[in-house]
Amino acid sequence: MASQRPYSGLKVVEFANNAAGELVGKLFAQMGADVIKIEPPGGSPSRRIGPYLRDREDLEHSLTYWHYNVSKKSVVLDVLTESGRHRLTTLLGDADIFVFSGHLAEFRELGLSSELLTGLNPKLISIVITPFGLTGPWSELKSCDLVAFAASGVLANCGYDDHSIPPIRPTGNQTFHTAASFAHSAALLALIHRLSTGSGDFIDLAVHDAMAITVELANAYWFYPRVKIGRQTARLASPTQTAPAQFVCADGRHVVLVFILNEQKAWMIMLEWLDSHGLSMDLVDEAFLDPAYRQENFAHIHEVLEVFFLMIDAETAFREGQQRGMPIGAVYSPEEVLGIEHLRVREFFNEVDFADAASARTPGAPYRFSAFDERPPARSPRLGEHTSEVLPTAISVNR
């Protein structure tokens, strides 16, 4: 196995005011790039977002910061000063990739533009992630994760069958993560393009654009048959109501079962499973062999399934259903995921030593390379920890 990693030798400079840029930097760092995180004297915003280790609300104990910034180097620069901006452009002069995320006004504060960056380093690939892009009538508007969900159309599809209840925003910075995924893909394409041309690129990426094309079937239904879709509990939004997918089990936990009524093989497997527990009831009647009849009587089928799952616990339902080839899964809480045997065997979680010698399990990468070295991530850096290393002639804080 080679000691190199996919992005070994790449120098990435990150200036991130939200999770979008931090995640892009993390993706590069996890695959071997030298990621230099530029922080203001007071630290990046993520350092002030909880939860905190042992409730110590300071710049070095934010679990949010730890999560997004493993394997990076922290350099403190006051980019609002002339000397700070000069040091930033010096770093960019021999960088491969520059990642910025934040508001358009914050990008302008850096004194940067596509023309300046290209002139500074023709091979530089710049990725500028803003709420609504660098141009257009919305480019100056403020945004956040919730606003990005709402403005993109995605929020309208998230929530419950009862549409008198307002839409529900998914948690976990998903709009920023979506933008980061597109940004990383765009950077990879730009790197491939640079191999043949020798030229860098300037990528203007709007969180709004990234979200607006991830609205499940909404675009396709509206652009072609001009049909609106409606949100459904734990299911894809659809023009018509589809079968409920969540069931409560005997232990109070839930399972998700994707059951297509018109698939004959799936129906027969479901019948056998119910019968093995003595709960097939009248579903064995010959009439239910007709998919159309099953569709007409779905409410009754659903009632039988509800009774069935109330008789067994979620893990049993998950195991028995999967053994029969049914697409079923138990609904796990985040803390339960830590104990899943499958992830332990795959060594998905990594033990990382953070501040004050605190050891924590962190999620690993979702990929395995056969040709590259696999290493656990290094801890996230302390504020300005690498300033003297990266800028040996600079002081830690420029005022």
Protein backbone atom coordinates (compact mmCIF):
# COMPACT_ATOMS: atom_id res chain seq x y z
CA MET A 1 0.00 0.00 0.00
CA ALA A 2 1.42 3.38 -0.99
CA SER A 3 2.34 5.87 1.71
CA GLN A 4 0.85 8.63 -0.44
CA ARG A 5 -2.78 9.68 -0.22
CA PRO A 6 -5.11 11.03 -2.95
CA TYR A 7 -4.39 14.72 -2.26
CA SER A 8 -0.82 14.43 -1.00
CA GLY A 9 1.22 17.41 -2.15
CA LEU A 10 -1.75 19.76 -2.52
CA LYS A 11 -1.69 23.04 -0.59
CA VAL A 12 -5.16 24.28 0.36
CA VAL A 13 -5.80 27.65 2.00
CA GLU A 14 -9.17 27.83 3.77
CA PHE A 15 -10.96 30.96 4.96
CA ALA A 16 -14.31 29.69 6.20
CA ASN A 17 -16.96 31.62 8.09
CA ASN A 18 -19.41 28.70 8.12
CA ALA A 19 -19.55 24.92 7.86
CA ALA A 20 -19.57 24.85 4.04
CA GLY A 21 -15.96 25.94 3.65
CA GLU A 22 -14.84 24.06 6.74
CA LEU A 23 -16.25 20.81 5.37
CA VAL A 24 -14.55 21.33 2.00
CA GLY A 25 -11.27 21.85 3.84
CA LYS A 26 -11.91 18.75 5.93
CA LEU A 27 -12.53 16.61 2.84
CA PHE A 28 -9.20 17.71 1.40
CA ALA A 29 -7.38 17.28 4.73
CA GLN A 30 -8.75 13.77 5.27
CA MET A 31 -7.30 12.72 1.93
CA GLY A 32 -3.83 14.08 2.51
CA ALA A 33 -3.83 17.74 1.47
CA ASP A 34 -1.94 20.32 3.52
CA VAL A 35 -4.88 22.48 4.64
CA ILE A 36 -4.01 25.87 6.14
CA LYS A 37 -6.97 27.33 8.01
CA ILE A 38 -6.89 31.13 8.21
CA GLU A 39 -8.51 32.42 11.41
CA PRO A 40 -9.07 35.98 12.66
CA PRO A 41 -7.45 36.94 15.98
CA GLY A 42 -10.66 36.00 17.81
CA GLY A 43 -10.88 32.61 16.13
CA SER A 44 -13.26 31.14 13.55
CA PRO A 45 -17.03 31.37 14.19
CA SER A 46 -17.27 27.59 14.70
CA ARG A 47 -15.16 27.91 17.86
CA ARG A 48 -18.15 29.69 19.44
CA ILE A 49 -20.71 27.05 18.52
CA GLY A 50 -21.49 24.36 21.10
CA PRO A 51 -21.65 21.85 22.50
CA TYR A 52 -18.44 22.24 24.48
CA LEU A 53 -16.22 19.68 26.17
CA ARG A 54 -17.17 19.55 29.86
CA ASP A 55 -19.21 22.75 29.30
CA ARG A 56 -16.02 24.83 28.93
CA GLU A 57 -17.28 27.58 26.64
CA ASP A 58 -14.00 28.83 25.25
CA LEU A 59 -12.23 28.85 21.89
CA GLU A 60 -10.50 25.49 22.36
CA HIS A 61 -13.31 23.21 23.54
CA SER A 62 -16.05 23.48 20.90
CA LEU A 63 -17.02 20.04 19.62
CA THR A 64 -18.41 21.70 16.49
CA TYR A 65 -15.00 23.20 15.74
CA TRP A 66 -13.29 19.89 16.50
CA HIS A 67 -15.56 18.02 14.09
CA TYR A 68 -14.99 20.24 11.06
CA ASN A 69 -11.30 20.97 11.49
CA VAL A 70 -9.38 17.75 12.06
CA SER A 71 -6.03 17.40 10.29
CA LYS A 72 -5.73 21.13 9.50
CA LYS A 73 -3.22 23.83 10.43
CA SER A 74 -4.39 27.04 12.11
CA VAL A 75 -2.83 30.35 11.11
CA VAL A 76 -4.03 33.61 12.68
CA LEU A 77 -4.21 36.61 10.36
CA ASP A 78 -6.04 39.88 10.80
CA VAL A 79 -7.15 40.20 7.19
CA LEU A 80 -8.77 43.57 7.90
CA THR A 81 -5.29 45.07 8.04
CA GLU A 82 -3.03 45.71 5.07
CA SER A 83 -0.29 43.49 6.47
CA GLY A 84 -2.77 40.67 7.11
CA ARG A 85 -4.12 40.80 3.56
CA HIS A 86 -0.55 40.88 2.23
CA ARG A 87 0.30 37.71 4.15
CA LEU A 88 -2.88 36.05 2.84
CA THR A 89 -1.98 36.82 -0.77
CA THR A 90 1.54 35.55 -0.09
CA LEU A 91 0.06 32.23 1.03
CA LEU A 92 -2.15 32.09 -2.05
CA GLY A 93 0.81 32.76 -4.33
CA ASP A 94 1.92 29.12 -4.25
CA ALA A 95 -1.33 27.44 -3.16
CA ASP A 96 -3.22 24.92 -5.26
CA ILE A 97 -6.70 25.61 -3.90
CA PHE A 98 -8.32 28.52 -2.06
CA VAL A 99 -11.60 27.87 -0.26
CA PHE A 100 -13.76 30.76 0.97
CA SER A 101 -17.21 30.50 2.55
CA GLY A 102 -19.26 33.34 3.95
CA HIS A 103 -21.27 36.35 2.84
CA LEU A 104 -20.38 38.32 -0.29
CA ALA A 105 -19.49 41.34 1.87
CA GLU A 106 -17.04 39.21 3.85
CA PHE A 107 -15.36 38.12 0.61
CA ARG A 108 -15.03 41.74 -0.47
CA GLU A 109 -13.43 42.60 2.87
CA LEU A 110 -10.52 40.36 1.89
CA GLY A 111 -9.85 42.65 -1.08
CA LEU A 112 -10.00 39.68 -3.44
CA SER A 113 -11.59 39.16 -6.85
CA SER A 114 -11.41 36.57 -9.61
CA GLU A 115 -9.09 38.83 -11.60
CA LEU A 116 -6.74 39.45 -8.67
CA LEU A 117 -6.58 35.76 -7.74
CA THR A 118 -5.91 34.68 -11.32
CA GLY A 119 -3.20 37.31 -11.69
CA LEU A 120 -1.69 36.35 -8.36
CA ASN A 121 -1.43 32.66 -9.19
CA PRO A 122 -2.60 31.46 -12.64
CA LYS A 123 -2.67 27.84 -11.40
CA LEU A 124 -4.80 28.61 -8.34
CA ILE A 125 -8.25 27.01 -8.10
CA SER A 126 -10.48 29.35 -6.07
CA ILE A 127 -13.81 28.19 -4.65
CA VAL A 128 -15.98 31.01 -3.32
CA ILE A 129 -19.09 29.76 -1.51
CA THR A 130 -21.68 32.45 -0.72
CA PRO A 131 -25.41 32.28 0.09
CA PHE A 132 -26.67 33.40 -3.33
CA GLY A 133 -23.57 33.72 -5.51
CA LEU A 134 -21.41 36.70 -6.45
CA THR A 135 -23.90 38.11 -8.98
CA GLY A 136 -27.65 38.49 -9.32
CA PRO A 137 -30.35 40.46 -7.48
CA TRP A 138 -30.11 38.27 -4.36
CA SER A 139 -26.32 38.27 -4.08
CA GLU A 140 -26.29 40.82 -1.23
CA LEU A 141 -28.98 39.12 0.86
CA LYS A 142 -28.24 37.59 4.24
CA SER A 143 -28.84 33.90 4.80
CA CYS A 144 -28.37 30.96 7.15
CA ASP A 145 -29.10 27.24 7.10
CA LEU A 146 -32.85 27.77 7.66
CA VAL A 147 -33.14 30.55 5.06
CA ALA A 148 -31.24 28.44 2.53
CA PHE A 149 -33.68 25.57 3.05
CA ALA A 150 -36.69 27.84 2.69
CA ALA A 151 -35.50 29.85 -0.33
CA SER A 152 -34.47 26.76 -2.30
CA GLY A 153 -37.85 25.01 -2.14
CA VAL A 154 -36.48 22.07 -0.16
CA LEU A 155 -38.12 23.08 3.13
CA ALA A 156 -41.60 22.81 1.59
CA ASN A 157 -40.95 19.08 1.12
CA CYS A 158 -39.81 18.42 4.71
CA GLY A 159 -42.26 17.57 7.46
CA TYR A 160 -45.42 15.63 8.09
CA ASP A 161 -48.46 14.34 6.19
CA ASP A 162 -50.58 16.88 8.07
CA HIS A 163 -49.98 20.06 6.06
CA SER A 164 -51.56 22.22 8.75
CA ILE A 165 -48.25 21.68 10.57
CA PRO A 166 -45.50 23.99 9.24
CA PRO A 167 -42.57 22.46 7.35
CA ILE A 168 -39.73 21.10 9.49
CA ARG A 169 -36.09 22.04 8.84
CA PRO A 170 -33.70 19.07 8.84
CA THR A 171 -30.90 19.61 11.32
CA GLY A 172 -27.14 19.32 10.93
CA ASN A 173 -26.10 22.13 8.57
CA GLN A 174 -27.39 20.15 5.59
CA THR A 175 -27.50 23.15 3.25
CA PHE A 176 -23.84 23.88 3.98
CA HIS A 177 -22.97 20.21 3.57
CA THR A 178 -24.74 20.07 0.21
CA ALA A 179 -22.84 23.13 -1.00
CA ALA A 180 -19.58 21.62 0.29
CA SER A 181 -20.20 18.41 -1.63
CA PHE A 182 -20.71 20.33 -4.88
CA ALA A 183 -17.69 22.53 -4.11
CA HIS A 184 -15.42 19.54 -3.54
CA SER A 185 -16.61 17.92 -6.78
CA ALA A 186 -16.07 21.17 -8.68
CA ALA A 187 -12.56 21.50 -7.25
CA LEU A 188 -11.73 17.95 -8.28
CA LEU A 189 -12.89 18.65 -11.84
CA ALA A 190 -10.81 21.83 -11.88
CA LEU A 191 -7.77 19.86 -10.71
CA ILE A 192 -8.26 17.36 -13.54
CA HIS A 193 -8.65 20.24 -16.01
CA ARG A 194 -5.45 21.82 -14.69
CA LEU A 195 -3.51 18.63 -15.42
CA SER A 196 -4.08 19.12 -19.15
CA THR A 197 -4.11 22.93 -19.38
CA GLY A 198 -1.90 24.12 -16.54
CA SER A 199 -4.52 26.74 -15.69
CA GLY A 200 -6.47 27.22 -12.49
CA ASP A 201 -10.10 28.25 -12.17
CA PHE A 202 -12.46 30.50 -10.25
CA ILE A 203 -15.59 28.73 -8.98
CA ASP A 204 -18.56 30.87 -7.88
CA LEU A 205 -20.76 28.50 -5.87
CA ALA A 206 -24.08 29.58 -4.35
CA VAL A 207 -25.59 27.58 -1.49
CA HIS A 208 -28.99 28.53 -2.93
CA ASP A 209 -28.14 26.99 -6.31
CA ALA A 210 -26.79 23.82 -4.72
CA MET A 211 -30.00 23.35 -2.74
CA ALA A 212 -32.37 24.34 -5.56
CA ILE A 213 -31.31 21.32 -7.61
CA THR A 214 -31.70 18.88 -4.72
CA VAL A 215 -35.47 19.05 -4.27
CA GLU A 216 -36.12 15.36 -4.99
CA LEU A 217 -38.84 15.05 -7.64
CA ALA A 218 -40.23 18.57 -7.31
CA ASN A 219 -38.45 20.00 -10.35
CA ALA A 220 -39.24 17.09 -12.63
CA TYR A 221 -42.94 17.05 -11.70
CA TRP A 222 -43.28 20.81 -12.13
CA PHE A 223 -41.23 21.25 -15.31
CA TYR A 224 -43.03 18.51 -17.24
CA PRO A 225 -46.58 17.57 -16.05
CA ARG A 226 -46.82 20.87 -14.07
CA VAL A 227 -47.80 19.02 -10.92
CA LYS A 228 -46.97 20.09 -7.36
CA ILE A 229 -45.73 17.56 -4.85
CA GLY A 230 -46.57 17.40 -1.14
CA ARG A 231 -44.46 16.49 1.87
CA GLN A 232 -44.99 13.18 3.62
CA THR A 233 -43.84 11.83 6.98
CA ALA A 234 -40.50 10.04 6.55
CA ARG A 235 -41.12 9.56 2.82
CA LEU A 236 -40.27 11.26 -0.45
CA ALA A 237 -42.54 14.17 -1.31
CA SER A 238 -45.00 13.06 -3.97
CA PRO A 239 -48.02 14.31 -5.99
CA THR A 240 -50.11 11.60 -4.30
CA GLN A 241 -49.99 9.99 -0.88
CA THR A 242 -47.74 6.93 -0.76
CA ALA A 243 -47.68 4.14 1.78
CA PRO A 244 -46.50 5.14 5.27
CA ALA A 245 -43.04 3.74 5.88
CA GLN A 246 -42.52 3.97 9.66
CA PHE A 247 -43.88 1.47 12.17
CA VAL A 248 -43.70 1.41 15.97
CA CYS A 249 -42.33 -1.82 17.44
CA ALA A 250 -42.88 -3.61 20.76
CA ASP A 251 -39.92 -1.83 22.37
CA GLY A 252 -41.21 1.62 21.38
CA ARG A 253 -38.59 2.06 18.68
CA HIS A 254 -39.36 2.50 14.99
CA VAL A 255 -38.49 0.66 11.82
CA VAL A 256 -38.69 1.94 8.25
CA LEU A 257 -40.09 -0.49 5.68
CA VAL A 258 -40.18 0.36 1.99
CA PHE A 259 -43.02 -1.84 0.77
CA ILE A 260 -44.23 -1.64 -2.84
CA LEU A 261 -47.74 -3.06 -3.05
CA ASN A 262 -47.66 -3.95 -6.75
CA GLU A 263 -44.54 -6.12 -6.47
CA GLN A 264 -45.76 -9.70 -6.29
CA LYS A 265 -42.53 -11.21 -4.97
CA ALA A 266 -42.35 -8.69 -2.13
CA TRP A 267 -45.98 -9.38 -1.28
CA MET A 268 -45.41 -13.13 -1.02
CA ILE A 269 -42.33 -12.61 1.16
CA MET A 270 -44.30 -10.29 3.42
CA LEU A 271 -47.09 -12.87 3.71
CA GLU A 272 -44.63 -15.61 4.66
CA TRP A 273 -43.08 -13.35 7.29
CA LEU A 274 -46.46 -12.47 8.79
CA ASP A 275 -47.50 -16.14 8.75
CA SER A 276 -44.32 -17.18 10.59
CA HIS A 277 -45.62 -15.10 13.50
CA GLY A 278 -49.22 -16.26 13.07
CA LEU A 279 -50.35 -12.82 11.90
CA SER A 280 -51.15 -13.24 8.21
CA MET A 281 -54.88 -13.09 9.08
CA ASP A 282 -57.16 -12.57 6.05
CA LEU A 283 -54.30 -11.35 3.87
CA VAL A 284 -53.90 -14.95 2.66
CA ASP A 285 -57.25 -14.65 0.84
CA GLU A 286 -56.84 -15.14 -2.90
CA ALA A 287 -58.23 -11.67 -3.60
CA PHE A 288 -55.05 -10.10 -2.19
CA LEU A 289 -52.99 -11.71 -4.96
CA ASP A 290 -54.32 -8.96 -7.22
CA PRO A 291 -52.13 -5.81 -6.92
CA ALA A 292 -55.12 -3.60 -7.71
CA TYR A 293 -57.10 -5.16 -4.87
CA ARG A 294 -54.17 -4.66 -2.51
CA GLN A 295 -54.03 -1.00 -3.50
CA GLU A 296 -57.75 -0.57 -2.86
CA ASN A 297 -57.42 -2.22 0.55
CA PHE A 298 -54.15 -0.73 1.61
CA ALA A 299 -55.60 0.78 4.79
CA HIS A 300 -56.44 -2.72 6.01
CA ILE A 301 -52.99 -4.07 5.05
CA HIS A 302 -51.38 -1.21 6.93
CA GLU A 303 -53.44 -1.98 10.03
CA VAL A 304 -52.25 -5.60 9.95
CA LEU A 305 -48.64 -4.46 9.59
CA GLU A 306 -49.06 -2.07 12.52
CA VAL A 307 -50.25 -4.96 14.72
CA PHE A 308 -47.43 -7.18 13.45
CA PHE A 309 -44.64 -4.75 14.29
CA LEU A 310 -46.14 -4.05 17.72
CA MET A 311 -45.55 -7.75 18.47
CA ILE A 312 -41.77 -7.72 17.86
CA ASP A 313 -38.90 -5.44 18.82
CA ALA A 314 -37.13 -3.23 16.27
CA GLU A 315 -33.89 -5.25 16.13
CA THR A 316 -35.82 -8.49 15.52
CA ALA A 317 -37.86 -6.81 12.78
CA PHE A 318 -34.68 -5.44 11.20
CA ARG A 319 -32.87 -8.79 11.31
CA GLU A 320 -35.79 -10.98 10.17
CA GLY A 321 -36.83 -8.59 7.42
CA GLN A 322 -33.31 -8.30 6.02
CA GLN A 323 -32.90 -12.09 6.10
CA ARG A 324 -35.94 -12.27 3.83
CA GLY A 325 -34.57 -9.62 1.48
CA MET A 326 -36.96 -6.90 2.63
CA PRO A 327 -35.75 -3.26 2.47
CA ILE A 328 -36.16 -2.56 6.19
CA GLY A 329 -34.08 -0.74 8.76
CA ALA A 330 -34.26 0.13 12.43
CA VAL A 331 -34.31 3.84 13.27
CA TYR A 332 -31.21 4.52 15.36
CA SER A 333 -30.48 7.54 17.52
CA PRO A 334 -27.01 9.12 17.08
CA GLU A 335 -25.77 7.58 20.33
CA GLU A 336 -27.01 4.15 19.22
CA VAL A 337 -25.05 4.46 15.97
CA LEU A 338 -21.84 4.53 18.05
CA GLY A 339 -22.55 0.95 19.13
CA ILE A 340 -23.41 -0.57 15.75
CA GLU A 341 -21.24 -3.64 15.24
CA HIS A 342 -20.99 -3.14 11.48
CA LEU A 343 -19.34 0.26 11.90
CA ARG A 344 -17.00 -1.11 14.58
CA VAL A 345 -15.82 -3.91 12.30
CA ARG A 346 -15.20 -1.42 9.48
CA GLU A 347 -13.32 0.82 11.95
CA PHE A 348 -15.47 3.76 10.91
CA PHE A 349 -14.97 5.72 14.13
CA ASN A 350 -11.53 7.05 15.05
CA GLU A 351 -10.15 7.84 18.50
CA VAL A 352 -8.62 11.31 18.37
CA ASP A 353 -6.84 13.12 21.22
CA PHE A 354 -8.10 16.69 21.41
CA ALA A 355 -7.57 19.53 23.89
CA ASP A 356 -6.50 18.69 27.46
CA ALA A 357 -5.71 15.12 26.37
CA ALA A 358 -9.42 14.48 25.92
CA SER A 359 -9.99 11.49 23.67
CA ALA A 360 -13.10 11.35 21.53
CA ARG A 361 -14.53 9.11 18.87
CA THR A 362 -15.01 10.95 15.60
CA PRO A 363 -16.68 9.77 12.38
CA GLY A 364 -14.21 8.53 9.81
CA ALA A 365 -14.29 8.81 6.05
CA PRO A 366 -17.06 6.99 4.13
CA TYR A 367 -14.60 5.56 1.61
CA ARG A 368 -11.81 2.98 1.58
CA PHE A 369 -8.94 3.25 -0.93
CA SER A 370 -7.14 0.05 -1.88
CA ALA A 371 -4.15 1.92 -3.33
CA PHE A 372 -3.65 4.55 -0.62
CA ASP A 373 -2.62 4.65 2.99
CA GLU A 374 -5.46 4.89 5.51
CA ARG A 375 -4.70 7.05 8.55
CA PRO A 376 -6.83 8.34 11.42
CA PRO A 377 -7.28 12.12 11.44
CA ALA A 378 -5.05 14.39 13.49
CA ARG A 379 -6.73 16.54 16.15
CA SER A 380 -8.11 19.94 15.23
CA PRO A 381 -5.54 22.72 15.77
CA ARG A 382 -5.45 25.22 18.60
CA LEU A 383 -5.95 28.84 17.61
CA GLY A 384 -2.85 30.03 15.76
CA GLU A 385 -0.97 26.82 16.55
CA HIS A 386 0.83 26.76 13.20
CA THR A 387 1.26 30.49 12.52
CA SER A 388 5.01 30.52 13.18
CA GLU A 389 5.47 27.32 11.18
CA VAL A 390 3.56 28.51 8.12
CA LEU A 391 4.59 32.17 8.36
CA PRO A 392 7.96 32.02 10.13
CA THR A 393 8.59 35.76 9.80
CA ALA A 394 5.11 36.82 10.89
CA ILE A 395 3.76 37.41 14.35
CA SER A 396 0.66 35.50 15.44
CA VAL A 397 -1.71 38.45 15.47
CA ASN A 398 -1.55 41.40 13.10
CA ARG A 399 -3.08 44.61 14.36
